Amino acid sequence: MRIYKILPRAEWAQAEAAGRFEGSAVDHADGYIHFSTARQAGETARRYFAGIADLVVLEVEGEDLGDALRWEPSRGGGLFPHLYGALPASLVRGVHEAPLGADGAPQLPSLA
């Protein structure tokens, strides 16, 4: 199953240069890298990234992450994918633009 990480383009550029993504500030605070499924990504974008310009969406095959990926309940009870460890840049299968829409929410591409 494909999972997705929304983040500022500058953070992804740094991760690409380093060969791995260590996480955003919220990831460091929580102790894991937050991901969303295709179904969850739109709400994640609206709730946590509204008004933030120059975002990208990383596309990763969850199975590639092995045991470091855990499915854990959120405050609302839904299971979200969390990566315990760094994300190797080589495992990113796609990088998609997420421009802000008229309502200030990031407009995600069609995610499968």
PDB file of N, CA and C in Angstrom:
ATOM      1  N   MET A   1       0.840  -1.179   0.000  1.00  0.00           N
ATOM      2  CA  MET A   1       0.000   0.000   0.000  1.00  0.00           C
ATOM      3  C   MET A   1       0.886   1.243   0.000  1.00  0.00           C
ATOM      4  N   ARG A   2       0.528   2.186  -0.849  1.00  0.00           N
ATOM      5  CA  ARG A   2       1.261   3.442  -0.898  1.00  0.00           C
ATOM      6  C   ARG A   2       0.853   4.333   0.272  1.00  0.00           C
ATOM      7  N   ILE A   3       1.842   5.016   0.847  1.00  0.00           N
ATOM      8  CA  ILE A   3       1.606   5.986   1.904  1.00  0.00           C
ATOM      9  C   ILE A   3       2.274   7.294   1.508  1.00  0.00           C
ATOM     10  N   TYR A   4       1.881   8.386   2.177  1.00  0.00           N
ATOM     11  CA  TYR A   4       2.267   9.713   1.718  1.00  0.00           C
ATOM     12  C   TYR A   4       2.728  10.594   2.871  1.00  0.00           C
ATOM     13  N   LYS A   5       3.731  11.404   2.592  1.00  0.00           N
ATOM     14  CA  LYS A   5       4.265  12.370   3.556  1.00  0.00           C
ATOM     15  C   LYS A   5       4.199  13.748   2.920  1.00  0.00           C
ATOM     16  N   ILE A   6       3.518  14.675   3.593  1.00  0.00           N
ATOM     17  CA  ILE A   6       3.427  16.064   3.138  1.00  0.00           C
ATOM     18  C   ILE A   6       4.485  16.857   3.887  1.00  0.00           C
ATOM     19  N   LEU A   7       5.258  17.650   3.159  1.00  0.00           N
ATOM     20  CA  LEU A   7       6.304  18.434   3.797  1.00  0.00           C
ATOM     21  C   LEU A   7       6.729  19.595   2.913  1.00  0.00           C
ATOM     22  N   PRO A   8       7.374  20.606   3.494  1.00  0.00           N
ATOM     23  CA  PRO A   8       7.881  21.709   2.686  1.00  0.00           C
ATOM     24  C   PRO A   8       8.953  21.230   1.704  1.00  0.00           C
ATOM     25  N   ARG A   9       8.939  21.819   0.535  1.00  0.00           N
ATOM     26  CA  ARG A   9       9.908  21.458  -0.511  1.00  0.00           C
ATOM     27  C   ARG A   9      11.350  21.582  -0.011  1.00  0.00           C
ATOM     28  N   ALA A  10      11.640  22.604   0.783  1.00  0.00           N
ATOM     29  CA  ALA A  10      13.004  22.815   1.282  1.00  0.00           C
ATOM     30  C   ALA A  10      13.465  21.646   2.159  1.00  0.00           C
ATOM     31  N   GLU A  11      12.567  21.097   2.963  1.00  0.00           N
ATOM     32  CA  GLU A  11      12.925  19.941   3.787  1.00  0.00           C
ATOM     33  C   GLU A  11      13.240  18.732   2.913  1.00  0.00           C
ATOM     34  N   TRP A  12      12.466  18.557   1.846  1.00  0.00           N
ATOM     35  CA  TRP A  12      12.727  17.430   0.950  1.00  0.00           C
ATOM     36  C   TRP A  12      14.055  17.629   0.222  1.00  0.00           C
ATOM     37  N   ALA A  13      14.365  18.846  -0.181  1.00  0.00           N
ATOM     38  CA  ALA A  13      15.638  19.115  -0.859  1.00  0.00           C
ATOM     39  C   ALA A  13      16.815  18.770   0.061  1.00  0.00           C
ATOM     40  N   GLN A  14      16.709  19.122   1.333  1.00  0.00           N
ATOM     41  CA  GLN A  14      17.763  18.784   2.297  1.00  0.00           C
ATOM     42  C   GLN A  14      17.871  17.268   2.464  1.00  0.00           C
ATOM     43  N   ALA A  15      16.730  16.600   2.518  1.00  0.00           N
ATOM     44  CA  ALA A  15      16.723  15.154   2.681  1.00  0.00           C
ATOM     45  C   ALA A  15      17.336  14.463   1.462  1.00  0.00           C
ATOM     46  N   GLU A  16      16.981  14.937   0.292  1.00  0.00           N
ATOM     47  CA  GLU A  16      17.556  14.360  -0.932  1.00  0.00           C
ATOM     48  C   GLU A  16      19.071  14.473  -0.921  1.00  0.00           C
ATOM     49  N   ALA A  17      19.570  15.653  -0.535  1.00  0.00           N
ATOM     50  CA  ALA A  17      21.014  15.877  -0.500  1.00  0.00           C
ATOM     51  C   ALA A  17      21.692  14.950   0.523  1.00  0.00           C
ATOM     52  N   ALA A  18      21.015  14.698   1.644  1.00  0.00           N
ATOM     53  CA  ALA A  18      21.565  13.846   2.695  1.00  0.00           C
ATOM     54  C   ALA A  18      21.362  12.361   2.406  1.00  0.00           C
ATOM     55  N   GLY A  19      20.425  12.046   1.482  1.00  0.00           N
ATOM     56  CA  GLY A  19      20.133  10.657   1.165  1.00  0.00           C
ATOM     57  C   GLY A  19      19.088  10.027   2.071  1.00  0.00           C
ATOM     58  N   ARG A  20      18.543  10.816   2.998  1.00  0.00           N
ATOM     59  CA  ARG A  20      17.517  10.300   3.904  1.00  0.00           C
ATOM     60  C   ARG A  20      16.744  11.468   4.518  1.00  0.00           C
ATOM     61  N   PHE A  21      15.485  11.195   4.872  1.00  0.00           N
ATOM     62  CA  PHE A  21      14.637  12.173   5.544  1.00  0.00           C
ATOM     63  C   PHE A  21      14.518  11.743   6.998  1.00  0.00           C
ATOM     64  N   GLU A  22      14.965  12.618   7.889  1.00  0.00           N
ATOM     65  CA  GLU A  22      14.968  12.314   9.323  1.00  0.00           C
ATOM     66  C   GLU A  22      13.681  12.757  10.010  1.00  0.00           C
ATOM     67  N   GLY A  23      12.845  13.526   9.303  1.00  0.00           N
ATOM     68  CA  GLY A  23      11.584  13.978   9.870  1.00  0.00           C
ATOM     69  C   GLY A  23      11.511  15.483  10.029  1.00  0.00           C
ATOM     70  N   SER A  24      10.284  15.981  10.078  1.00  0.00           N
ATOM     71  CA  SER A  24      10.004  17.384  10.336  1.00  0.00           C
ATOM     72  C   SER A  24       9.994  17.615  11.844  1.00  0.00           C
ATOM     73  N   ALA A  25       9.813  18.852  12.255  1.00  0.00           N
ATOM     74  CA  ALA A  25       9.804  19.184  13.685  1.00  0.00           C
ATOM     75  C   ALA A  25       8.762  18.369  14.445  1.00  0.00           C
ATOM     76  N   VAL A  26       7.553  18.244  13.887  1.00  0.00           N
ATOM     77  CA  VAL A  26       6.498  17.472  14.578  1.00  0.00           C
ATOM     78  C   VAL A  26       6.861  15.995  14.664  1.00  0.00           C
ATOM     79  N   ASP A  27       7.545  15.486  13.658  1.00  0.00           N
ATOM     80  CA  ASP A  27       7.988  14.091  13.687  1.00  0.00           C
ATOM     81  C   ASP A  27       8.993  13.874  14.821  1.00  0.00           C
ATOM     82  N   HIS A  28       9.947  14.797  14.935  1.00  0.00           N
ATOM     83  CA  HIS A  28      10.943  14.689  16.005  1.00  0.00           C
ATOM     84  C   HIS A  28      10.274  14.751  17.373  1.00  0.00           C
ATOM     85  N   ALA A  29       9.298  15.640  17.525  1.00  0.00           N
ATOM     86  CA  ALA A  29       8.590  15.788  18.801  1.00  0.00           C
ATOM     87  C   ALA A  29       7.834  14.511  19.166  1.00  0.00           C
ATOM     88  N   ASP A  30       7.272  13.832  18.167  1.00  0.00           N
ATOM     89  CA  ASP A  30       6.460  12.636  18.426  1.00  0.00           C
ATOM     90  C   ASP A  30       7.267  11.335  18.414  1.00  0.00           C
ATOM     91  N   GLY A  31       8.483  11.375  17.880  1.00  0.00           N
ATOM     92  CA  GLY A  31       9.334  10.192  17.893  1.00  0.00           C
ATOM     93  C   GLY A  31       9.189   9.272  16.698  1.00  0.00           C
ATOM     94  N   TYR A  32       8.485   9.719  15.661  1.00  0.00           N
ATOM     95  CA  TYR A  32       8.315   8.934  14.441  1.00  0.00           C
ATOM     96  C   TYR A  32       7.927   9.877  13.303  1.00  0.00           C
ATOM     97  N   ILE A  33       8.066   9.399  12.076  1.00  0.00           N
ATOM     98  CA  ILE A  33       7.687  10.183  10.898  1.00  0.00           C
ATOM     99  C   ILE A  33       6.235   9.871  10.577  1.00  0.00           C
ATOM    100  N   HIS A  34       5.424  10.917  10.537  1.00  0.00           N
ATOM    101  CA  HIS A  34       3.997  10.795  10.235  1.00  0.00           C
ATOM    102  C   HIS A  34       3.781  10.580   8.741  1.00  0.00           C
ATOM    103  N   PHE A  35       2.977   9.612   8.392  1.00  0.00           N
ATOM    104  CA  PHE A  35       2.526   9.383   7.030  1.00  0.00           C
ATOM    105  C   PHE A  35       1.004   9.322   7.036  1.00  0.00           C
ATOM    106  N   SER A  36       0.419   9.374   5.857  1.00  0.00           N
ATOM    107  CA  SER A  36      -1.025   9.213   5.685  1.00  0.00           C
ATOM    108  C   SER A  36      -1.268   8.267   4.527  1.00  0.00           C
ATOM    109  N   THR A  37      -2.414   7.613   4.554  1.00  0.00           N
ATOM    110  CA  THR A  37      -2.852   6.844   3.397  1.00  0.00           C
ATOM    111  C   THR A  37      -3.438   7.822   2.385  1.00  0.00           C
ATOM    112  N   ALA A  38      -3.743   7.340   1.194  1.00  0.00           N
ATOM    113  CA  ALA A  38      -4.376   8.199   0.182  1.00  0.00           C
ATOM    114  C   ALA A  38      -5.687   8.761   0.710  1.00  0.00           C
ATOM    115  N   ARG A  39      -6.434   7.965   1.421  1.00  0.00           N
ATOM    116  CA  ARG A  39      -7.728   8.400   1.963  1.00  0.00           C
ATOM    117  C   ARG A  39      -7.562   9.452   3.064  1.00  0.00           C
ATOM    118  N   GLN A  40      -6.490   9.372   3.832  1.00  0.00           N
ATOM    119  CA  GLN A  40      -6.256  10.285   4.950  1.00  0.00           C
ATOM    120  C   GLN A  40      -5.543  11.575   4.558  1.00  0.00           C
ATOM    121  N   ALA A  41      -4.840  11.577   3.442  1.00  0.00           N
ATOM    122  CA  ALA A  41      -3.950  12.684   3.091  1.00  0.00           C
ATOM    123  C   ALA A  41      -4.668  14.020   2.932  1.00  0.00           C
ATOM    124  N   GLY A  42      -5.859  14.036   2.346  1.00  0.00           N
ATOM    125  CA  GLY A  42      -6.579  15.293   2.159  1.00  0.00           C
ATOM    126  C   GLY A  42      -6.889  15.980   3.476  1.00  0.00           C
ATOM    127  N   GLU A  43      -7.374  15.236   4.446  1.00  0.00           N
ATOM    128  CA  GLU A  43      -7.676  15.805   5.764  1.00  0.00           C
ATOM    129  C   GLU A  43      -6.396  16.240   6.473  1.00  0.00           C
ATOM    130  N   THR A  44      -5.342  15.451   6.346  1.00  0.00           N
ATOM    131  CA  THR A  44      -4.053  15.839   6.924  1.00  0.00           C
ATOM    132  C   THR A  44      -3.596  17.167   6.331  1.00  0.00           C
ATOM    133  N   ALA A  45      -3.709  17.314   5.023  1.00  0.00           N
ATOM    134  CA  ALA A  45      -3.302  18.556   4.354  1.00  0.00           C
ATOM    135  C   ALA A  45      -4.115  19.740   4.868  1.00  0.00           C
ATOM    136  N   ARG A  46      -5.432  19.583   4.942  1.00  0.00           N
ATOM    137  CA  ARG A  46      -6.290  20.681   5.402  1.00  0.00           C
ATOM    138  C   ARG A  46      -6.042  21.028   6.861  1.00  0.00           C
ATOM    139  N   ARG A  47      -5.886  20.026   7.688  1.00  0.00           N
ATOM    140  CA  ARG A  47      -5.774  20.238   9.133  1.00  0.00           C
ATOM    141  C   ARG A  47      -4.412  20.796   9.547  1.00  0.00           C
ATOM    142  N   TYR A  48      -3.346  20.286   8.955  1.00  0.00           N
ATOM    143  CA  TYR A  48      -2.007  20.617   9.449  1.00  0.00           C
ATOM    144  C   TYR A  48      -1.154  21.472   8.516  1.00  0.00           C
ATOM    145  N   PHE A  49      -1.580  21.650   7.257  1.00  0.00           N
ATOM    146  CA  PHE A  49      -0.736  22.366   6.303  1.00  0.00           C
ATOM    147  C   PHE A  49      -1.438  23.534   5.623  1.00  0.00           C
ATOM    148  N   ALA A  50      -2.626  23.910   6.072  1.00  0.00           N
ATOM    149  CA  ALA A  50      -3.345  25.045   5.473  1.00  0.00           C
ATOM    150  C   ALA A  50      -2.493  26.306   5.576  1.00  0.00           C
ATOM    151  N   GLY A  51      -2.435  27.031   4.474  1.00  0.00           N
ATOM    152  CA  GLY A  51      -1.704  28.286   4.437  1.00  0.00           C
ATOM    153  C   GLY A  51      -0.200  28.158   4.268  1.00  0.00           C
ATOM    154  N   ILE A  52       0.311  26.945   4.193  1.00  0.00           N
ATOM    155  CA  ILE A  52       1.755  26.737   4.017  1.00  0.00           C
ATOM    156  C   ILE A  52       2.030  26.502   2.534  1.00  0.00           C
ATOM    157  N   ALA A  53       2.788  27.396   1.954  1.00  0.00           N
ATOM    158  CA  ALA A  53       3.083  27.320   0.513  1.00  0.00           C
ATOM    159  C   ALA A  53       4.302  26.441   0.257  1.00  0.00           C
ATOM    160  N   ASP A  54       4.455  26.028  -0.974  1.00  0.00           N
ATOM    161  CA  ASP A  54       5.611  25.288  -1.481  1.00  0.00           C
ATOM    162  C   ASP A  54       5.778  23.926  -0.807  1.00  0.00           C
ATOM    163  N   LEU A  55       4.684  23.173  -0.799  1.00  0.00           N
ATOM    164  CA  LEU A  55       4.698  21.830  -0.238  1.00  0.00           C
ATOM    165  C   LEU A  55       4.844  20.782  -1.334  1.00  0.00           C
ATOM    166  N   VAL A  56       5.363  19.636  -0.948  1.00  0.00           N
ATOM    167  CA  VAL A  56       5.388  18.468  -1.822  1.00  0.00           C
ATOM    168  C   VAL A  56       4.819  17.285  -1.054  1.00  0.00           C
ATOM    169  N   VAL A  57       4.424  16.271  -1.802  1.00  0.00           N
ATOM    170  CA  VAL A  57       3.910  15.035  -1.224  1.00  0.00           C
ATOM    171  C   VAL A  57       4.815  13.900  -1.693  1.00  0.00           C
ATOM    172  N   LEU A  58       5.427  13.216  -0.722  1.00  0.00           N
ATOM    173  CA  LEU A  58       6.259  12.063  -1.049  1.00  0.00           C
ATOM    174  C   LEU A  58       5.383  10.825  -1.114  1.00  0.00           C
ATOM    175  N   GLU A  59       5.634   9.998  -2.081  1.00  0.00           N
ATOM    176  CA  GLU A  59       4.906   8.739  -2.253  1.00  0.00           C
ATOM    177  C   GLU A  59       5.867   7.584  -1.978  1.00  0.00           C
ATOM    178  N   VAL A  60       5.476   6.717  -1.051  1.00  0.00           N
ATOM    179  CA  VAL A  60       6.331   5.621  -0.603  1.00  0.00           C
ATOM    180  C   VAL A  60       5.504   4.343  -0.566  1.00  0.00           C
ATOM    181  N   GLU A  61       6.100   3.250  -0.951  1.00  0.00           N
ATOM    182  CA  GLU A  61       5.455   1.943  -0.805  1.00  0.00           C
ATOM    183  C   GLU A  61       5.681   1.484   0.631  1.00  0.00           C
ATOM    184  N   GLY A  62       4.601   1.350   1.387  1.00  0.00           N
ATOM    185  CA  GLY A  62       4.709   0.993   2.792  1.00  0.00           C
ATOM    186  C   GLY A  62       5.492  -0.286   3.044  1.00  0.00           C
ATOM    187  N   GLU A  63       5.321  -1.279   2.190  1.00  0.00           N
ATOM    188  CA  GLU A  63       6.010  -2.560   2.364  1.00  0.00           C
ATOM    189  C   GLU A  63       7.526  -2.418   2.291  1.00  0.00           C
ATOM    190  N   ASP A  64       8.006  -1.387   1.589  1.00  0.00           N
ATOM    191  CA  ASP A  64       9.448  -1.168   1.478  1.00  0.00           C
ATOM    192  C   ASP A  64      10.075  -0.782   2.812  1.00  0.00           C
ATOM    193  N   LEU A  65       9.262  -0.345   3.771  1.00  0.00           N
ATOM    194  CA  LEU A  65       9.779   0.167   5.043  1.00  0.00           C
ATOM    195  C   LEU A  65       9.928  -0.917   6.106  1.00  0.00           C
ATOM    196  N   GLY A  66       9.439  -2.101   5.823  1.00  0.00           N
ATOM    197  CA  GLY A  66       9.612  -3.225   6.736  1.00  0.00           C
ATOM    198  C   GLY A  66       9.005  -2.988   8.111  1.00  0.00           C
ATOM    199  N   ASP A  67       9.669  -3.536   9.128  1.00  0.00           N
ATOM    200  CA  ASP A  67       9.159  -3.488  10.497  1.00  0.00           C
ATOM    201  C   ASP A  67       9.229  -2.108  11.116  1.00  0.00           C
ATOM    202  N   ALA A  68       9.941  -1.176  10.485  1.00  0.00           N
ATOM    203  CA  ALA A  68      10.027   0.191  11.018  1.00  0.00           C
ATOM    204  C   ALA A  68       8.708   0.944  10.840  1.00  0.00           C
ATOM    205  N   LEU A  69       7.821   0.436   9.975  1.00  0.00           N
ATOM    206  CA  LEU A  69       6.510   1.055   9.760  1.00  0.00           C
ATOM    207  C   LEU A  69       5.495   0.383  10.665  1.00  0.00           C
ATOM    208  N   ARG A  70       4.813   1.203  11.447  1.00  0.00           N
ATOM    209  CA  ARG A  70       3.776   0.689  12.349  1.00  0.00           C
ATOM    210  C   ARG A  70       2.482   1.445  12.100  1.00  0.00           C
ATOM    211  N   TRP A  71       1.377   0.730  12.176  1.00  0.00           N
ATOM    212  CA  TRP A  71       0.046   1.315  12.018  1.00  0.00           C
ATOM    213  C   TRP A  71      -0.521   1.542  13.411  1.00  0.00           C
ATOM    214  N   GLU A  72      -0.726   2.816  13.753  1.00  0.00           N
ATOM    215  CA  GLU A  72      -1.131   3.160  15.107  1.00  0.00           C
ATOM    216  C   GLU A  72      -2.347   4.076  15.093  1.00  0.00           C
ATOM    217  N   PRO A  73      -3.188   3.961  16.124  1.00  0.00           N
ATOM    218  CA  PRO A  73      -4.412   4.776  16.163  1.00  0.00           C
ATOM    219  C   PRO A  73      -4.115   6.251  16.419  1.00  0.00           C
ATOM    220  N   SER A  74      -4.889   7.103  15.772  1.00  0.00           N
ATOM    221  CA  SER A  74      -4.811   8.545  16.001  1.00  0.00           C
ATOM    222  C   SER A  74      -5.791   8.908  17.105  1.00  0.00           C
ATOM    223  N   ARG A  75      -5.858  10.190  17.408  1.00  0.00           N
ATOM    224  CA  ARG A  75      -6.811  10.646  18.428  1.00  0.00           C
ATOM    225  C   ARG A  75      -8.239  10.271  18.055  1.00  0.00           C
ATOM    226  N   GLY A  76      -8.537  10.259  16.750  1.00  0.00           N
ATOM    227  CA  GLY A  76      -9.873   9.914  16.290  1.00  0.00           C
ATOM    228  C   GLY A  76     -10.113   8.418  16.152  1.00  0.00           C
ATOM    229  N   GLY A  77      -9.086   7.623  16.376  1.00  0.00           N
ATOM    230  CA  GLY A  77      -9.239   6.183  16.326  1.00  0.00           C
ATOM    231  C   GLY A  77      -8.799   5.533  15.026  1.00  0.00           C
ATOM    232  N   GLY A  78      -8.621   6.306  13.961  1.00  0.00           N
ATOM    233  CA  GLY A  78      -8.167   5.738  12.692  1.00  0.00           C
ATOM    234  C   GLY A  78      -6.711   5.309  12.778  1.00  0.00           C
ATOM    235  N   LEU A  79      -6.336   4.286  12.029  1.00  0.00           N
ATOM    236  CA  LEU A  79      -4.951   3.827  12.007  1.00  0.00           C
ATOM    237  C   LEU A  79      -4.143   4.630  10.998  1.00  0.00           C
ATOM    238  N   PHE A  80      -3.017   5.180  11.455  1.00  0.00           N
ATOM    239  CA  PHE A  80      -2.124   5.946  10.602  1.00  0.00           C
ATOM    240  C   PHE A  80      -0.773   5.258  10.540  1.00  0.00           C
ATOM    241  N   PRO A  81      -0.092   5.337   9.396  1.00  0.00           N
ATOM    242  CA  PRO A  81       1.245   4.761   9.283  1.00  0.00           C
ATOM    243  C   PRO A  81       2.293   5.689   9.887  1.00  0.00           C
ATOM    244  N   HIS A  82       3.114   5.132  10.768  1.00  0.00           N
ATOM    245  CA  HIS A  82       4.196   5.874  11.422  1.00  0.00           C
ATOM    246  C   HIS A  82       5.504   5.133  11.179  1.00  0.00           C
ATOM    247  N   LEU A  83       6.511   5.872  10.757  1.00  0.00           N
ATOM    248  CA  LEU A  83       7.822   5.282  10.493  1.00  0.00           C
ATOM    249  C   LEU A  83       8.753   5.592  11.656  1.00  0.00           C
ATOM    250  N   TYR A  84       9.255   4.541  12.277  1.00  0.00           N
ATOM    251  CA  TYR A  84      10.207   4.675  13.371  1.00  0.00           C
ATOM    252  C   TYR A  84      11.609   4.511  12.798  1.00  0.00           C
ATOM    253  N   GLY A  85      12.189   5.612  12.404  1.00  0.00           N
ATOM    254  CA  GLY A  85      13.507   5.633  11.783  1.00  0.00           C
ATOM    255  C   GLY A  85      13.497   6.589  10.611  1.00  0.00           C
ATOM    256  N   ALA A  86      14.633   6.746  10.007  1.00  0.00           N
ATOM    257  CA  ALA A  86      14.768   7.644   8.861  1.00  0.00           C
ATOM    258  C   ALA A  86      14.183   7.002   7.604  1.00  0.00           C
ATOM    259  N   LEU A  87      13.738   7.859   6.694  1.00  0.00           N
ATOM    260  CA  LEU A  87      13.229   7.417   5.392  1.00  0.00           C
ATOM    261  C   LEU A  87      14.360   7.551   4.372  1.00  0.00           C
ATOM    262  N   PRO A  88      14.877   6.445   3.846  1.00  0.00           N
ATOM    263  CA  PRO A  88      15.887   6.552   2.793  1.00  0.00           C
ATOM    264  C   PRO A  88      15.286   7.231   1.553  1.00  0.00           C
ATOM    265  N   ALA A  89      15.981   8.229   1.030  1.00  0.00           N
ATOM    266  CA  ALA A  89      15.484   8.946  -0.142  1.00  0.00           C
ATOM    267  C   ALA A  89      15.275   7.999  -1.320  1.00  0.00           C
ATOM    268  N   SER A  90      16.042   6.945  -1.377  1.00  0.00           N
ATOM    269  CA  SER A  90      15.927   5.988  -2.488  1.00  0.00           C
ATOM    270  C   SER A  90      14.597   5.245  -2.502  1.00  0.00           C
ATOM    271  N   LEU A  91      13.874   5.247  -1.379  1.00  0.00           N
ATOM    272  CA  LEU A  91      12.588   4.551  -1.314  1.00  0.00           C
ATOM    273  C   LEU A  91      11.408   5.428  -1.733  1.00  0.00           C
ATOM    274  N   VAL A  92      11.661   6.694  -1.993  1.00  0.00           N
ATOM    275  CA  VAL A  92      10.585   7.594  -2.419  1.00  0.00           C
ATOM    276  C   VAL A  92      10.286   7.313  -3.884  1.00  0.00           C
ATOM    277  N   ARG A  93       9.061   6.890  -4.156  1.00  0.00           N
ATOM    278  CA  ARG A  93       8.661   6.486  -5.511  1.00  0.00           C
ATOM    279  C   ARG A  93       8.149   7.637  -6.356  1.00  0.00           C
ATOM    280  N   GLY A  94       7.769   8.727  -5.705  1.00  0.00           N
ATOM    281  CA  GLY A  94       7.274   9.889  -6.431  1.00  0.00           C
ATOM    282  C   GLY A  94       7.256  11.101  -5.522  1.00  0.00           C
ATOM    283  N   VAL A  95       7.422  12.263  -6.129  1.00  0.00           N
ATOM    284  CA  VAL A  95       7.340  13.543  -5.425  1.00  0.00           C
ATOM    285  C   VAL A  95       6.347  14.387  -6.200  1.00  0.00           C
ATOM    286  N   HIS A  96       5.274  14.809  -5.530  1.00  0.00           N
ATOM    287  CA  HIS A  96       4.176  15.515  -6.187  1.00  0.00           C
ATOM    288  C   HIS A  96       4.019  16.929  -5.625  1.00  0.00           C
ATOM    289  N   GLU A  97       3.640  17.834  -6.477  1.00  0.00           N
ATOM    290  CA  GLU A  97       3.369  19.218  -6.072  1.00  0.00           C
ATOM    291  C   GLU A  97       2.071  19.266  -5.273  1.00  0.00           C
ATOM    292  N   ALA A  98       1.988  20.221  -4.332  1.00  0.00           N
ATOM    293  CA  ALA A  98       0.769  20.427  -3.551  1.00  0.00           C
ATOM    294  C   ALA A  98       0.548  21.931  -3.382  1.00  0.00           C
ATOM    295  N   PRO A  99       0.179  22.608  -4.476  1.00  0.00           N
ATOM    296  CA  PRO A  99      -0.019  24.064  -4.397  1.00  0.00           C
ATOM    297  C   PRO A  99      -1.239  24.413  -3.549  1.00  0.00           C
ATOM    298  N   LEU A 100      -1.236  25.613  -3.007  1.00  0.00           N
ATOM    299  CA  LEU A 100      -2.382  26.061  -2.217  1.00  0.00           C
ATOM    300  C   LEU A 100      -3.550  26.401  -3.124  1.00  0.00           C
ATOM    301  N   GLY A 101      -4.734  25.982  -2.715  1.00  0.00           N
ATOM    302  CA  GLY A 101      -5.955  26.325  -3.429  1.00  0.00           C
ATOM    303  C   GLY A 101      -6.482  27.670  -2.955  1.00  0.00           C
ATOM    304  N   ALA A 102      -7.563  28.113  -3.538  1.00  0.00           N
ATOM    305  CA  ALA A 102      -8.185  29.403  -3.190  1.00  0.00           C
ATOM    306  C   ALA A 102      -8.582  29.456  -1.719  1.00  0.00           C
ATOM    307  N   ASP A 103      -8.891  28.298  -1.141  1.00  0.00           N
ATOM    308  CA  ASP A 103      -9.289  28.245   0.275  1.00  0.00           C
ATOM    309  C   ASP A 103      -8.091  28.157   1.221  1.00  0.00           C
ATOM    310  N   GLY A 104      -6.878  28.166   0.677  1.00  0.00           N
ATOM    311  CA  GLY A 104      -5.676  28.104   1.507  1.00  0.00           C
ATOM    312  C   GLY A 104      -5.223  26.711   1.848  1.00  0.00           C
ATOM    313  N   ALA A 105      -5.985  25.709   1.445  1.00  0.00           N
ATOM    314  CA  ALA A 105      -5.599  24.312   1.711  1.00  0.00           C
ATOM    315  C   ALA A 105      -4.739  23.776   0.564  1.00  0.00           C
ATOM    316  N   PRO A 106      -3.756  22.958   0.871  1.00  0.00           N
ATOM    317  CA  PRO A 106      -2.949  22.335  -0.190  1.00  0.00           C
ATOM    318  C   PRO A 106      -3.830  21.463  -1.074  1.00  0.00           C
ATOM    319  N   GLN A 107      -3.628  21.579  -2.364  1.00  0.00           N
ATOM    320  CA  GLN A 107      -4.346  20.780  -3.349  1.00  0.00           C
ATOM    321  C   GLN A 107      -3.482  19.581  -3.712  1.00  0.00           C
ATOM    322  N   LEU A 108      -3.905  18.423  -3.270  1.00  0.00           N
ATOM    323  CA  LEU A 108      -3.120  17.218  -3.502  1.00  0.00           C
ATOM    324  C   LEU A 108      -3.431  16.632  -4.868  1.00  0.00           C
ATOM    325  N   PRO A 109      -2.446  15.955  -5.444  1.00  0.00           N
ATOM    326  CA  PRO A 109      -2.719  15.257  -6.708  1.00  0.00           C
ATOM    327  C   PRO A 109      -3.633  14.072  -6.435  1.00  0.00           C
ATOM    328  N   SER A 110      -4.047  13.421  -7.478  1.00  0.00           N
ATOM    329  CA  SER A 110      -4.820  12.194  -7.321  1.00  0.00           C
ATOM    330  C   SER A 110      -3.898  11.120  -6.768  1.00  0.00           C
ATOM    331  N   LEU A 111      -4.202  10.628  -5.575  1.00  0.00           N
ATOM    332  CA  LEU A 111      -3.369   9.619  -4.924  1.00  0.00           C
ATOM    333  C   LEU A 111      -4.055   8.273  -5.005  1.00  0.00           C
ATOM    334  N   ALA A 112      -3.293   7.252  -5.351  1.00  0.00           N
ATOM    335  CA  ALA A 112      -3.879   5.905  -5.499  1.00  0.00           C
ATOM    336  C   ALA A 112      -3.469   5.002  -4.376  1.00  0.00           C
TER     337      ALA A 112
END
